[in-house]
């Protein structure tokens, strides 16, 4: 989810078990679950790897993000208070530091923390779980995207999201979230 593994990178059950200090059985079960959620790919030969997403698949996942996350943000708006807005601004500062440091994993982690923090206010656990499943599928691709974009500034849509929350501007919030979650992915799909 955080882009720690590159697209197409092969994984082994033994390696997973060793890294997380578990036996083969829990490693196998975790892999099965992640394959079912689309976060890992299992070839006919049994090779496990992170997915290498096609342009069409990226477009599909971007569309899902635009639907689910815009709705989550809209549902969070009535519950957005100054403490939440202050927290989002602090997280966005972390996003900016990760961009300055050219830390792709830190950037992805902080960016997802920004979105998750907002969406938790929606009090819609099923929708949030669906968004997280999409994030799982996109993590390695987001890492590749970050490297391709050569970002030097944090996403300006985060500032627009925060401004819309402060103003109680639902249409502005919906537009800012939709733009934020689709902009980079659409560039990658080309």
Foldseek 3Di string as FASTA:
>chain_A
DLQPFAAFDWDDLVRVCVVVVHDSVVSVVVQVVCCVLQLWPQDPVGIIGGHDDALVVLVVLLVLQLVLLLVLLLLLLVVDDVVLLVVLVVLLVQLFVCLQVVPSSSNSVSVVVSSVSSSVSSVPVVSVVNNVSSCSNCNNVSSVLSVVVSDNGGDCLSVQCSVCSVVSPSVSNSVSSSCVSNVSSNVSSD
